[in-house]
C-alpha atoms as a PDB file:
ATOM      1  CA  MET A   1     -30.674 -55.648   3.732  1.00  0.00           C
ATOM      2  CA  ASP A   2     -33.582 -57.128   5.765  1.00  0.00           C
ATOM      3  CA  ASN A   3     -32.337 -60.742   4.791  1.00  0.00           C
ATOM      4  CA  ILE A   4     -29.238 -60.552   6.229  1.00  0.00           C
ATOM      5  CA  THR A   5     -27.714 -63.101   8.449  1.00  0.00           C
ATOM      6  CA  LEU A   6     -24.051 -62.685   9.982  1.00  0.00           C
ATOM      7  CA  ILE A   7     -21.791 -65.777  10.333  1.00  0.00           C
ATOM      8  CA  ILE A   8     -19.822 -65.731  13.456  1.00  0.00           C
ATOM      9  CA  ASP A   9     -17.098 -68.304  13.296  1.00  0.00           C
ATOM     10  CA  THR A  10     -17.318 -71.293  16.117  1.00  0.00           C
ATOM     11  CA  ARG A  11     -13.878 -70.400  17.520  1.00  0.00           C
ATOM     12  CA  GLU A  12     -14.201 -66.765  17.780  1.00  0.00           C
ATOM     13  CA  GLN A  13     -13.926 -66.063  21.582  1.00  0.00           C
ATOM     14  CA  ASN A  14     -16.259 -63.239  23.017  1.00  0.00           C
ATOM     15  CA  ALA A  15     -17.900 -62.223  19.832  1.00  0.00           C
ATOM     16  CA  TYR A  16     -19.569 -59.267  19.256  1.00  0.00           C
ATOM     17  CA  LYS A  17     -23.438 -59.193  19.771  1.00  0.00           C
ATOM     18  CA  PHE A  18     -25.143 -57.849  17.050  1.00  0.00           C
ATOM     19  CA  LYS A  19     -28.954 -56.779  16.469  1.00  0.00           C
ATOM     20  CA  THR A  20     -28.905 -58.408  13.348  1.00  0.00           C
ATOM     21  CA  PRO A  21     -29.693 -62.086  13.018  1.00  0.00           C
ATOM     22  CA  SER A  22     -26.568 -64.312  13.508  1.00  0.00           C
ATOM     23  CA  ILE A  23     -25.415 -67.809  13.572  1.00  0.00           C
ATOM     24  CA  ARG A  24     -22.503 -70.021  14.624  1.00  0.00           C
ATOM     25  CA  ALA A  25     -20.790 -71.787  11.952  1.00  0.00           C
ATOM     26  CA  THR A  26     -16.979 -72.738  11.299  1.00  0.00           C
ATOM     27  CA  LEU A  27     -15.534 -70.386   8.604  1.00  0.00           C
ATOM     28  CA  SER A  28     -12.194 -70.971   6.638  1.00  0.00           C
ATOM     29  CA  THR A  29     -11.272 -67.743   6.489  1.00  0.00           C
ATOM     30  CA  GLY A  30     -12.066 -64.706   9.221  1.00  0.00           C
ATOM     31  CA  ASP A  31     -14.231 -64.396  12.306  1.00  0.00           C
ATOM     32  CA  TYR A  32     -17.252 -63.121  10.551  1.00  0.00           C
ATOM     33  CA  SER A  33     -18.957 -63.251   7.343  1.00  0.00           C
ATOM     34  CA  ILE A  34     -22.377 -62.595   5.748  1.00  0.00           C
ATOM     35  CA  GLN A  35     -24.361 -66.058   5.087  1.00  0.00           C
ATOM     36  CA  GLY A  36     -24.270 -67.051   1.177  1.00  0.00           C
ATOM     37  CA  TYR A  37     -21.082 -64.809   0.920  1.00  0.00           C
ATOM     38  CA  GLU A  38     -18.677 -66.803   3.542  1.00  0.00           C
ATOM     39  CA  ASP A  39     -16.148 -67.292   0.207  1.00  0.00           C
ATOM     40  CA  GLN A  40     -16.195 -63.482  -0.668  1.00  0.00           C
ATOM     41  CA  ILE A  41     -16.425 -61.539   2.145  1.00  0.00           C
ATOM     42  CA  ALA A  42     -14.283 -62.350   5.699  1.00  0.00           C
ATOM     43  CA  ILE A  43     -13.542 -60.073   8.705  1.00  0.00           C
ATOM     44  CA  GLU A  44     -10.697 -60.857  11.193  1.00  0.00           C
ATOM     45  CA  ARG A  45     -10.752 -59.880  14.512  1.00  0.00           C
ATOM     46  CA  LYS A  46      -7.633 -59.298  16.888  1.00  0.00           C
ATOM     47  CA  ASN A  47      -7.237 -58.084  19.938  1.00  0.00           C
ATOM     48  CA  LEU A  48      -3.605 -56.757  20.919  1.00  0.00           C
ATOM     49  CA  ASP A  49      -1.922 -60.140  22.499  1.00  0.00           C
ATOM     50  CA  ASP A  50      -3.600 -62.160  19.744  1.00  0.00           C
ATOM     51  CA  CYS A  51      -2.038 -59.544  16.816  1.00  0.00           C
ATOM     52  CA  VAL A  52       1.389 -60.056  18.115  1.00  0.00           C
ATOM     53  CA  GLY A  53       0.777 -63.893  18.799  1.00  0.00           C
ATOM     54  CA  SER A  54       0.163 -63.589  14.767  1.00  0.00           C
ATOM     55  CA  LEU A  55       3.095 -61.421  13.950  1.00  0.00           C
ATOM     56  CA  SER A  56       5.348 -63.674  15.971  1.00  0.00           C
ATOM     57  CA  ILE A  57       4.775 -67.641  17.123  1.00  0.00           C
ATOM     58  CA  GLY A  58       1.285 -67.678  15.115  1.00  0.00           C
ATOM     59  CA  ARG A  59       2.821 -66.159  11.846  1.00  0.00           C
ATOM     60  CA  ASP A  60       2.870 -68.991   9.469  1.00  0.00           C
ATOM     61  CA  ARG A  61      -0.925 -70.007  10.448  1.00  0.00           C
ATOM     62  CA  PHE A  62      -1.963 -65.992   9.991  1.00  0.00           C
ATOM     63  CA  GLU A  63       0.048 -65.378   6.718  1.00  0.00           C
ATOM     64  CA  ARG A  64      -1.883 -68.644   5.087  1.00  0.00           C
ATOM     65  CA  GLU A  65      -5.119 -66.780   6.388  1.00  0.00           C
ATOM     66  CA  LEU A  66      -3.753 -63.578   4.246  1.00  0.00           C
ATOM     67  CA  LYS A  67      -2.964 -65.784   1.376  1.00  0.00           C
ATOM     68  CA  ARG A  68      -6.586 -67.225   1.457  1.00  0.00           C
ATOM     69  CA  SER A  69      -8.282 -63.644   1.786  1.00  0.00           C
ATOM     70  CA  LYS A  70      -6.481 -62.712  -1.357  1.00  0.00           C
ATOM     71  CA  SER A  71      -9.321 -64.287  -3.351  1.00  0.00           C
ATOM     72  CA  TYR A  72     -11.918 -62.813  -1.252  1.00  0.00           C
ATOM     73  CA  GLU A  73     -14.071 -59.432  -2.634  1.00  0.00           C
ATOM     74  CA  TYR A  74     -13.623 -58.054   0.953  1.00  0.00           C
ATOM     75  CA  PHE A  75     -11.012 -58.582   3.759  1.00  0.00           C
ATOM     76  CA  ALA A  76     -10.810 -56.692   6.780  1.00  0.00           C
ATOM     77  CA  LEU A  77      -8.653 -56.867   9.908  1.00  0.00           C
ATOM     78  CA  VAL A  78      -9.950 -55.407  12.879  1.00  0.00           C
ATOM     79  CA  ILE A  79      -7.122 -54.810  15.424  1.00  0.00           C
ATOM     80  CA  GLU A  80      -8.711 -53.650  18.919  1.00  0.00           C
ATOM     81  CA  THR A  81      -5.958 -51.620  20.343  1.00  0.00           C
ATOM     82  CA  SER A  82      -4.259 -48.271  20.123  1.00  0.00           C
ATOM     83  CA  LEU A  83      -0.972 -47.742  17.871  1.00  0.00           C
ATOM     84  CA  GLY A  84       0.380 -46.739  21.226  1.00  0.00           C
ATOM     85  CA  ASP A  85       0.154 -49.764  22.813  1.00  0.00           C
ATOM     86  CA  LEU A  86       1.119 -51.634  19.691  1.00  0.00           C
ATOM     87  CA  ALA A  87       4.656 -49.091  19.009  1.00  0.00           C
ATOM     88  CA  THR A  88       5.405 -49.269  22.730  1.00  0.00           C
ATOM     89  CA  GLY A  89       5.305 -53.046  23.336  1.00  0.00           C
ATOM     90  CA  ASN A  90       2.068 -52.610  26.293  1.00  0.00           C
ATOM     91  CA  TYR A  91       1.630 -56.613  25.337  1.00  0.00           C
ATOM     92  CA  ARG A  92       2.197 -60.063  26.937  1.00  0.00           C
ATOM     93  CA  SER A  93       4.990 -61.198  24.699  1.00  0.00           C
ATOM     94  CA  ARG A  94       8.971 -60.401  24.300  1.00  0.00           C
ATOM     95  CA  MET A  95       8.472 -59.029  20.691  1.00  0.00           C
ATOM     96  CA  ASN A  96      10.170 -56.082  20.026  1.00  0.00           C
ATOM     97  CA  PRO A  97       8.135 -53.505  19.117  1.00  0.00           C
ATOM     98  CA  LYS A  98      10.306 -52.414  16.309  1.00  0.00           C
ATOM     99  CA  SER A  99      10.187 -55.549  15.168  1.00  0.00           C
ATOM    100  CA  ILE A 100       6.643 -55.431  14.594  1.00  0.00           C
ATOM    101  CA  ASP A 101       6.832 -52.241  12.936  1.00  0.00           C
ATOM    102  CA  LYS A 102       9.121 -54.272  10.670  1.00  0.00           C
ATOM    103  CA  VAL A 103       6.914 -57.011  10.010  1.00  0.00           C
ATOM    104  CA  ILE A 104       3.842 -54.423   9.193  1.00  0.00           C
ATOM    105  CA  GLU A 105       6.226 -52.710   6.946  1.00  0.00           C
ATOM    106  CA  ILE A 106       7.242 -55.534   5.034  1.00  0.00           C
ATOM    107  CA  ARG A 107       3.640 -56.951   4.695  1.00  0.00           C
ATOM    108  CA  ARG A 108       2.071 -53.837   3.160  1.00  0.00           C
ATOM    109  CA  LYS A 109       4.928 -53.842   0.670  1.00  0.00           C
ATOM    110  CA  GLU A 110       3.873 -57.882  -0.259  1.00  0.00           C
ATOM    111  CA  LEU A 111      -0.086 -57.085  -0.089  1.00  0.00           C
END
């Protein structure tokens, strides 16, 4: 574990700060990975507004990323919000919270 270097995607804004060594590089999937395992491990990070955007206007791009992630040994989606904010529409979008519930329900069945 002492030799691990984390990779933070170059497009990741406000990246997490780690005690473990990290470098910036372009990742094809996700925002974070481990050097040498970029094609096996990915973590995608979304704040509330980014999550809603990925389920609405950015849905096609997000679905392509999810399809790429199926070939990974480990893929995680970290959504930085409370379920309450997601469920009650406490975000900057006109997307109805019931629509978000429906999208999530459909995706669970497909994955």
